[in-house]
Amino acid sequence: MKLNVKSVKNVAPNKNMIKKVIAVTISIIVIIVSYVSITKAAEDTRNTVAVVRIKNPEGLQMDALVTEEDVEKYNVIRTEYNPDMVLAEDIDNVIGMYTLYYLRKDSIVYKDQLGGERPITNEWLYQLGEDDEVITLQYNYLKCGGDILMPGDRVRIRATYELSEQDSGTGADSWYGSDNSSIEYQDAREKNIRTQIIFDSIEIMDMLNADSHSIYEVYKEVLRLDEKSRQQVMKSDEFLKSILPRALVLAGTKEQINEYAKYANLKEGELLITILSRENSNPIIEQLPTLQSEVQRWIKEDEK
């Protein structure tokens, strides 16, 4: 009996059948992996920790009083839980505290974001001596060091004004007082002009922007933001405008303020402000060096 070769070939496995087996195997593996993943996710969902988060739709501003309507309980997966988070069981302790930073809606509340007492603004006012007084003085930003001048610097301030005929003195071309504190001279228009030192050395406690807001407090508020939020805020045009000074806030003795009162009606351009050595001062630029350098870099980038 002869062997039929063609019939033997027909007995060989069908290629389509092999493909089907492979496809079924892969499908089974996918189903098993999916089942395991879903089961684990379900277990993680059941394994949660209740914490406190912000419910207020507008978030909470810095220094805001936390009320019952501002917060709510929220479950986080245990693997995402951080011991610094405020637990839901402590929510009653959160109410009545003050925020140290701006807190967005739906953000988890951390222990270091709250304080028991309202933060003090312009705390330097509480450190002044009993005989010290504070005045606000408008000045020309560009003619006085630009962005070099900072809160904490010490400056010398001179006043330049025209003398009346009865106060013209001897009529000499120039005259120096015994303490070299004043100078008289005649300008090109033959007017008698005097330059008088008002403050020989006085500290800049703060600066005010165009909206009369404290620039020092602007810096402090930005520092309280998280790193990501700080970067966004400081790159904004609004922030750069908010740190552009328009007036100086000075703290001086009673005698110094009395001397200034004599020249209080002088115009901005008639005052000369010079910066003194920082050797014995504590400017804000030394307290916030990283912040200041970032601001300067962004300003230069905007000018390009």
Protein backbone atom coordinates (compact mmCIF):
# COMPACT_ATOMS: atom_id res chain seq x y z
CA MET A 1 0.00 0.00 0.00
CA LYS A 2 1.43 3.32 -1.04
CA LEU A 3 1.59 6.24 1.42
CA ASN A 4 -0.31 9.25 0.20
CA VAL A 5 2.01 12.22 0.86
CA LYS A 6 -0.73 14.77 0.30
CA SER A 7 -2.88 13.28 3.03
CA VAL A 8 0.02 13.51 5.49
CA LYS A 9 0.47 17.20 4.74
CA ASN A 10 -3.16 17.83 5.48
CA VAL A 11 -2.70 16.38 8.98
CA ALA A 12 -0.09 19.12 9.91
CA PRO A 13 -1.31 21.79 12.42
CA ASN A 14 -3.21 24.69 10.89
CA LYS A 15 -1.37 28.04 11.18
CA ASN A 16 -4.60 29.87 11.93
CA MET A 17 -5.22 27.58 14.87
CA ILE A 18 -1.84 28.54 16.40
CA LYS A 19 -2.65 32.24 16.09
CA LYS A 20 -5.98 31.70 17.84
CA VAL A 21 -4.31 29.86 20.72
CA ILE A 22 -1.79 32.69 21.17
CA ALA A 23 -4.55 35.33 21.10
CA VAL A 24 -6.60 33.45 23.69
CA THR A 25 -3.54 33.08 25.93
CA ILE A 26 -2.75 36.80 25.77
CA SER A 27 -6.39 37.65 26.52
CA ILE A 28 -6.36 35.41 29.57
CA ILE A 29 -3.14 37.06 30.82
CA VAL A 30 -4.64 40.56 30.34
CA ILE A 31 -7.77 39.54 32.23
CA ILE A 32 -5.74 38.14 35.10
CA VAL A 33 -3.52 41.26 35.34
CA SER A 34 -6.56 43.54 35.16
CA TYR A 35 -8.30 41.57 37.88
CA VAL A 36 -5.28 41.75 40.15
CA SER A 37 -4.93 45.50 39.56
CA ILE A 38 -8.61 46.17 40.20
CA THR A 39 -8.55 44.05 43.33
CA LYS A 40 -5.50 45.90 44.66
CA ALA A 41 -7.05 49.29 43.86
CA ALA A 42 -10.22 48.25 45.67
CA GLU A 43 -8.17 47.22 48.68
CA ASP A 44 -6.29 50.55 48.61
CA THR A 45 -9.59 52.42 48.44
CA ARG A 46 -10.81 50.63 51.53
CA ASN A 47 -7.45 51.28 53.27
CA THR A 48 -7.72 55.08 53.69
CA VAL A 49 -6.98 57.77 56.24
CA ALA A 50 -9.43 60.59 57.03
CA VAL A 51 -7.82 64.02 56.94
CA VAL A 52 -8.88 67.68 56.76
CA ARG A 53 -9.02 69.66 53.52
CA ILE A 54 -10.16 73.12 52.43
CA LYS A 55 -13.81 73.35 51.40
CA ASN A 56 -14.10 77.10 50.82
CA PRO A 57 -14.60 77.55 47.02
CA GLU A 58 -12.30 80.59 47.00
CA GLY A 59 -9.66 79.01 49.20
CA LEU A 60 -8.32 80.75 52.30
CA GLN A 61 -6.11 83.81 52.19
CA MET A 62 -3.07 84.16 54.40
CA ASP A 63 -3.90 85.24 57.98
CA ALA A 64 -7.53 84.10 57.52
CA LEU A 65 -9.52 82.76 60.47
CA VAL A 66 -10.58 79.15 59.81
CA THR A 67 -14.29 78.55 60.35
CA GLU A 68 -16.41 75.41 60.32
CA GLU A 69 -17.62 76.21 56.79
CA ASP A 70 -14.06 76.44 55.44
CA VAL A 71 -12.96 72.83 56.03
CA GLU A 72 -14.24 69.29 55.56
CA LYS A 73 -13.20 65.68 56.15
CA TYR A 74 -11.61 63.82 53.25
CA ASN A 75 -10.23 60.30 52.75
CA VAL A 76 -6.80 59.78 51.24
CA ILE A 77 -5.20 56.45 50.33
CA ARG A 78 -2.89 55.36 53.11
CA THR A 79 0.08 55.22 50.75
CA GLU A 80 -0.47 58.94 50.04
CA TYR A 81 -0.89 59.90 53.69
CA ASN A 82 1.74 62.15 55.28
CA PRO A 83 2.08 62.39 59.08
CA ASP A 84 2.17 66.19 58.75
CA MET A 85 -1.42 66.19 57.48
CA VAL A 86 -4.14 67.19 59.94
CA LEU A 87 -6.32 64.18 60.79
CA ALA A 88 -10.09 64.46 60.49
CA GLU A 89 -10.43 63.63 64.19
CA ASP A 90 -8.61 66.93 64.92
CA ILE A 91 -10.87 69.08 62.74
CA ASP A 92 -12.33 70.85 65.80
CA ASN A 93 -8.82 71.99 66.75
CA VAL A 94 -8.36 73.54 63.30
CA ILE A 95 -11.43 75.77 63.63
CA GLY A 96 -10.45 79.10 65.16
CA MET A 97 -6.84 78.97 64.01
CA TYR A 98 -5.21 81.29 61.45
CA THR A 99 -3.68 80.35 58.12
CA LEU A 100 0.02 81.07 57.70
CA TYR A 101 -0.16 80.65 53.92
CA TYR A 102 -2.69 80.90 51.12
CA LEU A 103 -4.56 77.58 50.92
CA ARG A 104 -6.37 76.54 47.74
CA LYS A 105 -9.74 74.82 47.57
CA ASP A 106 -9.52 71.01 47.96
CA SER A 107 -5.95 71.22 49.27
CA ILE A 108 -5.06 69.01 52.24
CA VAL A 109 -4.35 70.94 55.44
CA TYR A 110 -0.91 70.44 56.98
CA LYS A 111 0.01 71.18 60.57
CA ASP A 112 2.62 73.84 59.70
CA GLN A 113 0.07 75.82 57.66
CA LEU A 114 -1.88 76.97 60.72
CA GLY A 115 -1.09 79.09 63.75
CA GLY A 116 -2.85 79.73 67.03
CA GLU A 117 -2.37 83.50 66.88
CA ARG A 118 -2.96 85.96 64.09
CA PRO A 119 0.41 86.77 62.47
CA ILE A 120 1.57 90.31 63.15
CA THR A 121 2.01 92.62 60.19
CA ASN A 122 4.72 95.28 60.26
CA GLU A 123 6.16 93.69 63.38
CA TRP A 124 8.99 96.23 63.39
CA LEU A 125 6.50 98.79 64.70
CA TYR A 126 6.41 96.87 67.98
CA GLN A 127 10.19 97.06 68.26
CA LEU A 128 10.46 100.85 68.07
CA GLY A 129 11.64 102.77 71.10
CA GLU A 130 9.18 104.94 72.99
CA ASP A 131 10.78 108.12 71.63
CA ASP A 132 10.96 106.91 68.01
CA GLU A 133 8.55 108.13 65.36
CA VAL A 134 7.69 106.99 61.82
CA ILE A 135 7.22 109.17 58.75
CA THR A 136 6.50 108.49 55.08
CA LEU A 137 8.59 110.26 52.49
CA GLN A 138 8.06 110.20 48.73
CA TYR A 139 11.22 109.93 46.67
CA ASN A 140 12.56 109.44 43.17
CA TYR A 141 13.20 105.73 42.70
CA LEU A 142 15.72 106.09 39.88
CA LYS A 143 17.71 108.90 41.52
CA CYS A 144 18.18 107.00 44.74
CA GLY A 145 19.87 103.75 43.82
CA GLY A 146 16.96 102.13 42.00
CA ASP A 147 16.52 98.56 43.19
CA ILE A 148 19.68 98.77 45.33
CA LEU A 149 17.86 100.59 48.11
CA MET A 150 15.99 98.17 50.36
CA PRO A 151 14.17 98.17 53.72
CA GLY A 152 16.80 97.97 56.45
CA ASP A 153 19.24 100.30 54.67
CA ARG A 154 20.40 103.54 56.26
CA VAL A 155 20.36 106.77 54.25
CA ARG A 156 21.36 110.43 54.52
CA ILE A 157 18.81 113.00 53.36
CA ARG A 158 19.53 116.57 52.29
CA ALA A 159 17.11 119.33 51.38
CA THR A 160 17.85 121.95 48.72
CA TYR A 161 15.79 125.12 48.71
CA GLU A 162 15.93 128.82 47.75
CA LEU A 163 16.68 131.37 50.44
CA SER A 164 14.65 134.50 50.84
CA GLU A 165 16.50 137.83 50.70
CA GLN A 166 16.45 138.24 54.46
CA ASP A 167 17.93 134.75 54.91
CA SER A 168 20.59 135.14 52.25
CA GLY A 169 23.31 135.71 54.84
CA THR A 170 26.48 137.40 53.74
CA GLY A 171 25.80 137.03 50.04
CA ALA A 172 29.02 135.08 49.53
CA ASP A 173 29.22 132.57 46.72
CA SER A 174 29.45 129.70 49.19
CA TRP A 175 29.26 129.10 52.91
CA TYR A 176 29.80 126.04 55.12
CA GLY A 177 28.30 125.70 58.57
CA SER A 178 30.54 124.81 61.50
CA ASP A 179 29.47 121.18 61.26
CA ASN A 180 29.54 121.11 57.45
CA SER A 181 25.82 120.30 57.56
CA SER A 182 24.71 123.05 55.18
CA ILE A 183 25.95 124.83 52.08
CA GLU A 184 24.87 128.10 50.48
CA TYR A 185 25.65 129.12 46.91
CA GLN A 186 24.33 131.08 43.95
CA ASP A 187 23.08 129.17 40.94
CA ALA A 188 23.20 130.28 37.31
CA ARG A 189 20.03 132.32 37.81
CA GLU A 190 21.76 134.21 40.64
CA LYS A 191 19.39 132.75 43.22
CA ASN A 192 20.66 131.99 46.68
CA ILE A 193 20.34 128.24 47.26
CA ARG A 194 20.95 126.31 50.46
CA THR A 195 21.53 122.56 50.89
CA GLN A 196 20.82 121.37 54.41
CA ILE A 197 21.22 117.89 55.92
CA ILE A 198 17.88 116.83 57.41
CA PHE A 199 18.79 113.28 58.45
CA ASP A 200 22.46 112.51 58.82
CA SER A 201 21.64 108.80 59.22
CA ILE A 202 18.18 107.27 59.37
CA GLU A 203 16.93 103.72 58.80
CA ILE A 204 14.42 102.70 56.14
CA MET A 205 11.95 100.48 57.95
CA ASP A 206 9.78 99.76 54.92
CA MET A 207 8.78 100.97 51.46
CA LEU A 208 5.37 101.62 49.97
CA ASN A 209 4.32 100.77 46.42
CA ALA A 210 2.00 102.74 44.16
CA ASP A 211 -1.01 101.39 46.08
CA SER A 212 0.54 102.49 49.41
CA HIS A 213 0.98 98.84 50.44
CA SER A 214 3.98 97.60 52.40
CA ILE A 215 6.60 96.06 50.11
CA TYR A 216 8.13 94.18 53.02
CA GLU A 217 4.77 92.51 53.67
CA VAL A 218 4.49 91.65 49.96
CA TYR A 219 7.81 89.79 50.19
CA LYS A 220 6.73 88.03 53.37
CA GLU A 221 3.43 86.91 51.84
CA VAL A 222 5.17 85.46 48.79
CA LEU A 223 7.64 83.59 50.98
CA ARG A 224 4.77 81.81 52.71
CA LEU A 225 3.58 80.23 49.46
CA ASP A 226 4.72 76.80 48.40
CA GLU A 227 7.57 76.73 45.87
CA LYS A 228 5.37 76.16 42.80
CA SER A 229 2.92 78.91 43.71
CA ARG A 230 5.78 81.27 44.58
CA GLN A 231 7.34 80.82 41.15
CA GLN A 232 4.03 81.58 39.43
CA VAL A 233 3.29 84.66 41.53
CA MET A 234 6.77 86.17 41.28
CA LYS A 235 6.81 85.89 37.49
CA SER A 236 3.59 87.88 37.19
CA ASP A 237 3.51 91.54 36.17
CA GLU A 238 1.30 92.23 39.18
CA PHE A 239 4.01 91.11 41.59
CA LEU A 240 6.77 93.07 39.88
CA LYS A 241 4.63 96.21 40.09
CA SER A 242 3.83 95.52 43.74
CA ILE A 243 7.53 95.65 44.73
CA LEU A 244 8.28 98.88 42.86
CA PRO A 245 8.67 101.51 45.63
CA ARG A 246 7.16 104.97 45.55
CA ALA A 247 7.75 106.10 49.14
CA LEU A 248 10.06 105.43 52.06
CA VAL A 249 8.91 104.63 55.59
CA LEU A 250 11.51 106.04 58.01
CA ALA A 251 11.93 105.66 61.75
CA GLY A 252 13.68 108.48 63.60
CA THR A 253 13.98 110.22 66.92
CA LYS A 254 11.81 113.12 68.01
CA GLU A 255 14.64 115.53 67.24
CA GLN A 256 15.07 114.13 63.74
CA ILE A 257 11.38 114.40 62.96
CA ASN A 258 11.29 117.97 64.27
CA GLU A 259 14.13 118.84 61.90
CA TYR A 260 12.27 117.24 59.00
CA ALA A 261 9.11 119.19 59.83
CA LYS A 262 10.92 122.40 58.83
CA TYR A 263 11.23 121.08 55.28
CA ALA A 264 8.06 119.01 55.00
CA ASN A 265 6.64 121.26 52.26
CA LEU A 266 9.58 120.77 49.92
CA LYS A 267 8.91 119.00 46.64
CA GLU A 268 10.22 115.51 45.89
CA GLY A 269 12.93 116.80 43.55
CA GLU A 270 14.34 119.07 46.23
CA LEU A 271 15.43 116.16 48.41
CA LEU A 272 18.68 114.30 47.89
CA ILE A 273 18.81 110.79 49.34
CA THR A 274 22.13 108.93 49.52
CA ILE A 275 22.71 105.36 50.68
CA LEU A 276 25.07 104.73 53.62
CA SER A 277 27.21 101.68 54.36
CA ARG A 278 25.44 98.40 55.13
CA GLU A 279 28.11 97.41 57.63
CA ASN A 280 25.90 98.23 60.62
CA SER A 281 22.50 97.69 59.00
CA ASN A 282 20.29 94.69 58.23
CA PRO A 283 18.68 95.18 54.82
CA ILE A 284 15.92 92.88 53.67
CA ILE A 285 18.07 91.79 50.74
CA GLU A 286 20.20 89.82 53.23
CA GLN A 287 17.13 88.21 54.75
CA LEU A 288 15.67 87.21 51.39
CA PRO A 289 18.69 86.74 49.08
CA THR A 290 17.24 83.97 46.94
CA LEU A 291 13.97 85.80 46.47
CA GLN A 292 15.70 89.03 45.50
CA SER A 293 18.02 87.36 42.98
CA GLU A 294 15.08 85.63 41.31
CA VAL A 295 13.18 88.89 41.03
CA GLN A 296 16.17 90.64 39.45
CA ARG A 297 16.64 87.82 36.96
CA TRP A 298 13.00 87.93 35.86
CA ILE A 299 13.08 91.72 35.54
CA LYS A 300 16.10 91.46 33.23
CA GLU A 301 14.40 88.73 31.19
CA ASP A 302 11.33 90.93 30.74
CA GLU A 303 13.50 93.82 29.53
CA LYS A 304 15.02 91.71 26.73
